[in-house]
Amino acid sequence: MPQKDSLTGIELEFDSGIIPPPYSHVYRISLDWSKGNLHAKLDLHYTDREELSEAEILEEGFTLSDDYSFDGELNPVWIKAVQQKTESVKWSGKSMDDGGIIVKLSENGQEGKVKIPADQEGWQLFGQDLIQAIYETSQKEAPLTVHYREVSTDKIEDCEITVHFSDRSVIFKHEDENRSINWEYTVQLMKLIFTPDYNYEFAKEEPGKKRGSYIECGDGYWHELGKGVVNIDPANDVVSKIKERFRDLLG
């Protein structure tokens, strides 16, 4: 395990494995803060697309130019995030025959050996967070904003959460109030929000006005929780958990 002060960089390399095109992809992210600023590089490439027609790629919601490269600076707040991630990492002795993520740590400017983190899911999510930070920093994508509406018998309450991956900050807006909320709390909330099944047959372009709870996840379509948003696993009532979290935020 590297010492916090000696860690000066990290490289993540991901291969989606047996996932078919147009989803199959590989990427390499390298971060280096040995000279003070946080320098980042990303090379993202979608694989085996020559097997598909242009129409098949577009039908899945992709474009014909989804590969992406970046070479520039990221907000140094990510240095602490990497340090925290590596402090508790456990390495695996398994091979990576079916895809996954591998890690190389740099200490005092010297690149280390390739290692395989045991928590593949956690590290792959971390890699996605870094890619999103790069997309926002380069203005390829805007920060994610989730809108929520709670309609009761006597009032309508609207709020929104904007997640800035570029600097790991979250802004909660309700009426005339803007306040920062905890990053890790928001990450867990976003996991909940994107867990249920969203049925677009019931989606609307405007939020509901009848009693209920409504959510819009950044694509312009409003869904009613419990009707257009339903639990995938009956034993795990995620929809209720989403409502509870927003009620807590609304106070």
Protein backbone atom coordinates (compact mmCIF):
# COMPACT_ATOMS: atom_id res chain seq x y z
CA MET A 1 0.00 0.00 0.00
CA PRO A 2 1.54 3.34 -1.00
CA GLN A 3 1.97 6.03 1.59
CA LYS A 4 -0.38 8.96 1.05
CA ASP A 5 2.48 11.44 0.65
CA SER A 6 4.45 9.21 -1.74
CA LEU A 7 1.60 8.56 -4.19
CA THR A 8 2.08 10.85 -7.21
CA GLY A 9 -0.10 9.30 -9.88
CA ILE A 10 -2.38 6.51 -11.02
CA GLU A 11 -3.30 4.76 -14.26
CA LEU A 12 -6.57 2.90 -14.82
CA GLU A 13 -6.99 0.60 -17.78
CA PHE A 14 -10.41 -0.89 -18.55
CA ASP A 15 -11.68 -3.50 -21.00
CA SER A 16 -15.42 -4.22 -21.16
CA GLY A 17 -14.70 -7.86 -22.04
CA ILE A 18 -17.43 -9.94 -23.66
CA ILE A 19 -19.99 -7.11 -23.92
CA PRO A 20 -21.02 -6.88 -27.60
CA PRO A 21 -20.69 -3.78 -29.80
CA PRO A 22 -21.69 -0.97 -29.93
CA TYR A 23 -21.28 -1.07 -26.12
CA SER A 24 -17.87 -2.80 -26.01
CA HIS A 25 -15.04 -0.39 -25.26
CA VAL A 26 -11.63 0.09 -23.71
CA TYR A 27 -10.14 3.11 -21.99
CA ARG A 28 -6.99 4.28 -20.28
CA ILE A 29 -6.96 7.13 -17.74
CA SER A 30 -3.72 8.44 -16.32
CA LEU A 31 -3.45 11.03 -13.55
CA ASP A 32 -0.16 12.63 -12.53
CA TRP A 33 0.34 15.22 -9.79
CA SER A 34 4.09 14.78 -9.30
CA LYS A 35 4.65 18.39 -10.44
CA GLY A 36 1.87 19.92 -8.34
CA ASN A 37 -1.03 20.35 -10.75
CA LEU A 38 -3.24 17.37 -11.60
CA HIS A 39 -2.51 16.37 -15.19
CA ALA A 40 -4.99 13.95 -16.77
CA LYS A 41 -5.05 11.91 -19.96
CA LEU A 42 -7.94 9.86 -21.30
CA ASP A 43 -8.09 7.59 -24.33
CA LEU A 44 -11.50 5.98 -24.84
CA HIS A 45 -12.14 3.66 -27.80
CA TYR A 46 -15.26 1.69 -28.76
CA THR A 47 -14.37 -1.71 -30.20
CA ASP A 48 -15.60 -4.10 -32.92
CA ARG A 49 -18.02 -1.59 -34.42
CA GLU A 50 -16.99 -2.62 -37.93
CA GLU A 51 -19.30 -5.62 -37.37
CA LEU A 52 -22.33 -3.27 -37.26
CA SER A 53 -24.08 -1.01 -39.74
CA GLU A 54 -24.32 2.73 -39.04
CA ALA A 55 -28.06 2.31 -38.41
CA GLU A 56 -27.46 -0.40 -35.77
CA ILE A 57 -25.04 1.87 -33.89
CA LEU A 58 -27.39 4.86 -34.00
CA GLU A 59 -30.41 2.77 -32.92
CA GLU A 60 -28.64 1.98 -29.63
CA GLY A 61 -28.33 5.68 -28.81
CA PHE A 62 -24.68 6.07 -29.83
CA THR A 63 -23.07 8.26 -32.47
CA LEU A 64 -20.50 7.36 -35.13
CA SER A 65 -17.78 9.27 -33.27
CA ASP A 66 -17.95 8.19 -29.61
CA ASP A 67 -14.19 7.68 -29.21
CA TYR A 68 -12.67 10.43 -27.09
CA SER A 69 -9.27 11.72 -26.03
CA PHE A 70 -8.30 14.33 -23.45
CA ASP A 71 -4.96 15.72 -22.36
CA GLY A 72 -5.17 18.53 -19.81
CA GLU A 73 -5.66 19.50 -16.20
CA LEU A 74 -8.32 18.35 -13.76
CA ASN A 75 -9.39 20.01 -10.53
CA PRO A 76 -6.89 18.92 -7.82
CA VAL A 77 -9.78 17.86 -5.57
CA TRP A 78 -9.46 14.52 -7.40
CA ILE A 79 -6.02 13.93 -5.84
CA LYS A 80 -7.58 13.43 -2.42
CA ALA A 81 -10.26 11.19 -3.96
CA VAL A 82 -7.58 8.94 -5.47
CA GLN A 83 -5.62 8.89 -2.19
CA GLN A 84 -8.72 7.84 -0.27
CA LYS A 85 -9.55 5.19 -2.88
CA THR A 86 -6.10 3.64 -2.70
CA GLU A 87 -5.81 3.74 1.10
CA SER A 88 -8.30 0.88 1.50
CA VAL A 89 -7.71 -1.03 -1.74
CA LYS A 90 -7.40 -4.81 -1.64
CA TRP A 91 -5.64 -6.49 -4.56
CA SER A 92 -6.75 -9.69 -6.28
CA GLY A 93 -4.68 -12.55 -7.66
CA LYS A 94 -7.28 -13.39 -10.30
CA SER A 95 -6.65 -13.05 -14.03
CA MET A 96 -8.62 -10.61 -16.20
CA ASP A 97 -9.76 -13.00 -18.94
CA ASP A 98 -13.30 -11.59 -19.09
CA GLY A 99 -12.44 -7.93 -18.98
CA GLY A 100 -12.34 -5.53 -16.05
CA ILE A 101 -10.09 -2.82 -14.68
CA ILE A 102 -6.40 -2.87 -13.79
CA VAL A 103 -4.45 -0.24 -11.84
CA LYS A 104 -0.90 1.08 -11.80
CA LEU A 105 0.16 3.37 -8.95
CA SER A 106 3.06 5.81 -9.20
CA GLU A 107 5.11 6.61 -6.11
CA ASN A 108 7.51 9.56 -6.09
CA GLY A 109 7.16 9.79 -9.87
CA GLN A 110 8.03 6.11 -10.43
CA GLU A 111 5.38 3.92 -12.09
CA GLY A 112 4.58 0.69 -10.27
CA LYS A 113 3.44 -2.75 -11.40
CA VAL A 114 0.03 -3.64 -12.83
CA LYS A 115 -2.39 -4.72 -10.10
CA ILE A 116 -5.97 -5.98 -10.12
CA PRO A 117 -8.31 -4.47 -7.51
CA ALA A 118 -10.59 -7.00 -5.82
CA ASP A 119 -13.49 -4.53 -5.77
CA GLN A 120 -13.96 -4.43 -9.54
CA GLU A 121 -17.38 -2.78 -9.42
CA GLY A 122 -16.21 0.01 -7.11
CA TRP A 123 -13.15 0.78 -9.23
CA GLN A 124 -15.11 0.69 -12.47
CA LEU A 125 -17.57 3.21 -11.00
CA PHE A 126 -14.61 5.34 -9.91
CA GLY A 127 -13.29 5.22 -13.47
CA GLN A 128 -16.68 6.33 -14.79
CA ASP A 129 -16.69 9.23 -12.32
CA LEU A 130 -13.28 10.32 -13.60
CA ILE A 131 -14.45 10.14 -17.22
CA GLN A 132 -17.48 12.25 -16.31
CA ALA A 133 -15.17 14.78 -14.61
CA ILE A 134 -13.09 14.96 -17.79
CA TYR A 135 -16.21 15.37 -19.96
CA GLU A 136 -17.38 18.29 -17.80
CA THR A 137 -13.93 19.88 -17.61
CA SER A 138 -13.58 19.78 -21.40
CA GLN A 139 -17.23 20.93 -21.75
CA LYS A 140 -18.11 17.81 -23.74
CA GLU A 141 -21.02 17.33 -21.33
CA ALA A 142 -22.83 19.55 -18.85
CA PRO A 143 -23.18 18.62 -15.17
CA LEU A 144 -26.06 16.27 -14.36
CA THR A 145 -29.17 17.94 -12.92
CA VAL A 146 -31.99 15.86 -11.43
CA HIS A 147 -35.32 17.60 -10.84
CA TYR A 148 -37.83 16.37 -8.26
CA ARG A 149 -41.41 17.38 -7.46
CA GLU A 150 -43.50 16.39 -4.44
CA VAL A 151 -47.23 17.14 -4.74
CA SER A 152 -49.34 16.90 -1.58
CA THR A 153 -52.93 17.93 -0.92
CA ASP A 154 -51.97 21.48 0.04
CA LYS A 155 -48.73 22.32 -1.81
CA ILE A 156 -46.27 21.59 -4.60
CA GLU A 157 -42.57 21.43 -3.72
CA ASP A 158 -39.92 21.55 -6.45
CA CYS A 159 -36.21 20.98 -5.98
CA GLU A 160 -33.17 20.04 -8.00
CA ILE A 161 -29.74 18.51 -7.46
CA THR A 162 -26.83 19.44 -9.76
CA VAL A 163 -23.85 17.11 -9.60
CA HIS A 164 -20.53 18.65 -10.67
CA PHE A 165 -18.09 15.78 -11.24
CA SER A 166 -15.44 18.29 -12.39
CA ASP A 167 -14.86 19.49 -8.81
CA ARG A 168 -16.85 16.86 -6.85
CA SER A 169 -19.41 19.39 -5.64
CA VAL A 170 -23.19 19.11 -5.38
CA ILE A 171 -25.70 21.97 -5.26
CA PHE A 172 -29.23 21.45 -3.91
CA LYS A 173 -31.82 24.06 -4.89
CA HIS A 174 -35.19 24.45 -3.18
CA GLU A 175 -37.25 27.63 -3.50
CA ASP A 176 -34.76 30.49 -2.96
CA GLU A 177 -32.23 28.29 -1.15
CA ASN A 178 -29.01 26.98 -2.69
CA ARG A 179 -26.84 24.78 -0.51
CA SER A 180 -24.00 22.32 -0.88
CA ILE A 181 -24.66 18.71 0.05
CA ASN A 182 -22.25 15.86 0.75
CA TRP A 183 -20.63 14.18 -2.26
CA GLU A 184 -20.78 10.59 -0.96
CA TYR A 185 -24.40 11.05 0.15
CA THR A 186 -25.23 12.22 -3.38
CA VAL A 187 -23.39 9.30 -5.00
CA GLN A 188 -25.51 6.88 -2.97
CA LEU A 189 -28.67 8.80 -3.87
CA MET A 190 -27.78 8.70 -7.59
CA LYS A 191 -27.27 4.93 -7.35
CA LEU A 192 -30.80 4.67 -5.93
CA ILE A 193 -32.25 6.97 -8.60
CA PHE A 194 -30.82 4.94 -11.47
CA THR A 195 -31.67 1.51 -10.00
CA PRO A 196 -35.43 1.21 -10.73
CA ASP A 197 -37.07 0.58 -14.10
CA TYR A 198 -38.17 3.75 -15.93
CA ASN A 199 -41.14 3.16 -18.25
CA TYR A 200 -41.08 5.85 -20.93
CA GLU A 201 -44.60 4.97 -22.06
CA PHE A 202 -45.82 6.85 -18.97
CA ALA A 203 -43.25 9.68 -19.23
CA LYS A 204 -44.36 13.31 -19.69
CA GLU A 205 -42.61 16.46 -20.83
CA GLU A 206 -44.13 18.41 -17.92
CA PRO A 207 -44.11 17.48 -14.20
CA GLY A 208 -47.35 16.13 -12.71
CA LYS A 209 -49.74 18.33 -10.73
CA LYS A 210 -51.75 15.57 -9.06
CA ARG A 211 -50.76 14.16 -5.65
CA GLY A 212 -47.58 12.12 -6.04
CA SER A 213 -43.81 12.23 -6.52
CA TYR A 214 -42.18 13.02 -9.86
CA ILE A 215 -38.59 12.91 -11.11
CA GLU A 216 -36.70 14.08 -14.19
CA CYS A 217 -33.20 12.66 -14.56
CA GLY A 218 -31.63 15.10 -17.01
CA ASP A 219 -33.23 13.99 -20.28
CA GLY A 220 -36.31 16.23 -20.14
CA TYR A 221 -38.83 13.46 -19.33
CA TRP A 222 -40.78 13.39 -16.08
CA HIS A 223 -41.67 10.08 -14.43
CA GLU A 224 -44.06 9.40 -11.58
CA LEU A 225 -42.52 7.31 -8.81
CA GLY A 226 -44.56 4.17 -8.31
CA LYS A 227 -46.17 4.36 -11.75
CA GLY A 228 -43.56 5.22 -14.38
CA VAL A 229 -40.73 4.31 -12.00
CA VAL A 230 -41.07 0.82 -10.52
CA ASN A 231 -38.89 -1.51 -8.45
CA ILE A 232 -37.06 -4.23 -10.36
CA ASP A 233 -36.71 -6.39 -7.25
CA PRO A 234 -39.91 -6.56 -5.11
CA ALA A 235 -37.75 -7.31 -2.06
CA ASN A 236 -35.85 -4.03 -2.49
CA ASP A 237 -38.20 -1.04 -2.37
CA VAL A 238 -35.86 1.49 -3.99
CA VAL A 239 -38.72 3.78 -5.04
CA SER A 240 -39.67 4.41 -1.40
CA LYS A 241 -36.01 5.03 -0.53
CA ILE A 242 -35.77 7.71 -3.25
CA LYS A 243 -38.86 9.46 -1.85
CA GLU A 244 -37.43 9.30 1.70
CA ARG A 245 -34.10 10.82 0.64
CA PHE A 246 -35.78 13.73 -1.11
CA ARG A 247 -38.14 14.32 1.82
CA ASP A 248 -35.07 14.50 4.07
CA LEU A 249 -33.49 17.07 1.74
CA LEU A 250 -36.68 19.09 1.54
CA GLY A 251 -36.76 19.11 5.35
